[in-house]
Amino acid sequence: MFLQLPFHAAANLQRTVLTLNTVILIAALIVVELVYADAPKEKRAHLKHFYPLFLVLGGLLVYAIYKQVRAS
């Protein structure tokens, strides 16, 4: 786990937080897709600056899933 909390519900809390983070990431991706789906390519050009952020967030999500699965 990332952090070991000093009370009994730490594992359940971490599973809940992982689930909420996943839902928030999926919702953000859906919102971005809906907003930029019909925009011309010129208006979407600035989105390439967010690729490193998406890679880091995706990597953190994969790492969190790996740690969660290995711990249970």
C-alpha atoms as a PDB file:
ATOM      1  CA  MET A   1       0.000   0.000   0.000  1.00  0.00           C
ATOM      2  CA  PHE A   2       1.125   3.580  -0.476  1.00  0.00           C
ATOM      3  CA  LEU A   3       0.533   4.662   3.098  1.00  0.00           C
ATOM      4  CA  GLN A   4      -0.087   2.484   6.088  1.00  0.00           C
ATOM      5  CA  LEU A   5      -2.714   4.248   8.146  1.00  0.00           C
ATOM      6  CA  PRO A   6      -2.653   3.587  11.894  1.00  0.00           C
ATOM      7  CA  PHE A   7      -6.170   2.179  12.200  1.00  0.00           C
ATOM      8  CA  HIS A   8      -7.972  -1.020  11.323  1.00  0.00           C
ATOM      9  CA  ALA A   9      -9.911   0.163   8.247  1.00  0.00           C
ATOM     10  CA  ALA A  10      -6.772   1.088   6.262  1.00  0.00           C
ATOM     11  CA  ALA A  11      -7.143  -1.652   3.611  1.00  0.00           C
ATOM     12  CA  ASN A  12     -10.830  -0.910   3.049  1.00  0.00           C
ATOM     13  CA  LEU A  13     -10.146   2.808   2.874  1.00  0.00           C
ATOM     14  CA  GLN A  14      -7.362   2.305   0.339  1.00  0.00           C
ATOM     15  CA  ARG A  15      -9.583   0.098  -1.828  1.00  0.00           C
ATOM     16  CA  THR A  16     -12.306   2.752  -1.700  1.00  0.00           C
ATOM     17  CA  VAL A  17      -9.868   5.502  -2.637  1.00  0.00           C
ATOM     18  CA  LEU A  18      -8.504   3.425  -5.541  1.00  0.00           C
ATOM     19  CA  THR A  19     -12.039   2.879  -6.802  1.00  0.00           C
ATOM     20  CA  LEU A  20     -12.907   6.572  -6.482  1.00  0.00           C
ATOM     21  CA  ASN A  21      -9.701   7.596  -8.259  1.00  0.00           C
ATOM     22  CA  THR A  22     -10.497   5.217 -11.103  1.00  0.00           C
ATOM     23  CA  VAL A  23     -14.039   6.565 -11.425  1.00  0.00           C
ATOM     24  CA  ILE A  24     -12.781  10.169 -11.409  1.00  0.00           C
ATOM     25  CA  LEU A  25     -10.174   9.382 -14.087  1.00  0.00           C
ATOM     26  CA  ILE A  26     -12.757   7.693 -16.306  1.00  0.00           C
ATOM     27  CA  ALA A  27     -15.224  10.560 -15.817  1.00  0.00           C
ATOM     28  CA  ALA A  28     -12.544  13.121 -16.697  1.00  0.00           C
ATOM     29  CA  LEU A  29     -11.662  11.218 -19.872  1.00  0.00           C
ATOM     30  CA  ILE A  30     -15.332  11.053 -20.883  1.00  0.00           C
ATOM     31  CA  VAL A  31     -15.819  14.788 -20.269  1.00  0.00           C
ATOM     32  CA  VAL A  32     -12.710  15.663 -22.312  1.00  0.00           C
ATOM     33  CA  GLU A  33     -13.912  13.402 -25.109  1.00  0.00           C
ATOM     34  CA  LEU A  34     -17.365  14.988 -25.125  1.00  0.00           C
ATOM     35  CA  VAL A  35     -15.983  18.529 -25.089  1.00  0.00           C
ATOM     36  CA  TYR A  36     -13.356  18.031 -27.794  1.00  0.00           C
ATOM     37  CA  ALA A  37     -15.035  15.410 -29.999  1.00  0.00           C
ATOM     38  CA  ASP A  38     -16.450  17.888 -32.515  1.00  0.00           C
ATOM     39  CA  ALA A  39     -13.733  20.528 -32.209  1.00  0.00           C
ATOM     40  CA  PRO A  40     -11.525  21.066 -35.253  1.00  0.00           C
ATOM     41  CA  LYS A  41      -7.948  19.827 -35.083  1.00  0.00           C
ATOM     42  CA  GLU A  42      -6.585  23.361 -34.657  1.00  0.00           C
ATOM     43  CA  LYS A  43      -8.600  23.853 -31.444  1.00  0.00           C
ATOM     44  CA  ARG A  44      -7.310  20.537 -30.051  1.00  0.00           C
ATOM     45  CA  ALA A  45      -3.636  21.266 -30.711  1.00  0.00           C
ATOM     46  CA  HIS A  46      -2.984  22.485 -27.155  1.00  0.00           C
ATOM     47  CA  LEU A  47      -4.026  19.095 -25.735  1.00  0.00           C
ATOM     48  CA  LYS A  48      -0.680  17.576 -26.699  1.00  0.00           C
ATOM     49  CA  HIS A  49       0.845  19.437 -23.756  1.00  0.00           C
ATOM     50  CA  PHE A  50      -1.203  17.220 -21.421  1.00  0.00           C
ATOM     51  CA  TYR A  51       0.172  13.897 -22.736  1.00  0.00           C
ATOM     52  CA  PRO A  52       2.945  13.692 -20.104  1.00  0.00           C
ATOM     53  CA  LEU A  53       0.384  14.356 -17.375  1.00  0.00           C
ATOM     54  CA  PHE A  54      -1.882  11.610 -18.708  1.00  0.00           C
ATOM     55  CA  LEU A  55       1.072   9.218 -18.868  1.00  0.00           C
ATOM     56  CA  VAL A  56       2.041   9.954 -15.266  1.00  0.00           C
ATOM     57  CA  LEU A  57      -1.533   9.610 -14.011  1.00  0.00           C
ATOM     58  CA  GLY A  58      -2.003   6.393 -15.977  1.00  0.00           C
ATOM     59  CA  GLY A  59       1.269   5.036 -14.605  1.00  0.00           C
ATOM     60  CA  LEU A  60       0.218   5.897 -11.056  1.00  0.00           C
ATOM     61  CA  LEU A  61      -3.106   4.163 -11.604  1.00  0.00           C
ATOM     62  CA  VAL A  62      -1.406   1.012 -12.906  1.00  0.00           C
ATOM     63  CA  TYR A  63       1.045   1.074  -9.995  1.00  0.00           C
ATOM     64  CA  ALA A  64      -1.791   1.497  -7.480  1.00  0.00           C
ATOM     65  CA  ILE A  65      -3.679  -1.416  -9.016  1.00  0.00           C
ATOM     66  CA  TYR A  66      -0.533  -3.566  -8.905  1.00  0.00           C
ATOM     67  CA  LYS A  67       0.094  -2.731  -5.239  1.00  0.00           C
ATOM     68  CA  GLN A  68      -3.557  -3.332  -4.366  1.00  0.00           C
ATOM     69  CA  VAL A  69      -3.715  -6.704  -6.090  1.00  0.00           C
ATOM     70  CA  ARG A  70      -0.411  -7.841  -4.603  1.00  0.00           C
ATOM     71  CA  ALA A  71      -1.481  -6.852  -1.074  1.00  0.00           C
ATOM     72  CA  SER A  72      -4.774  -8.746  -1.146  1.00  0.00           C
END
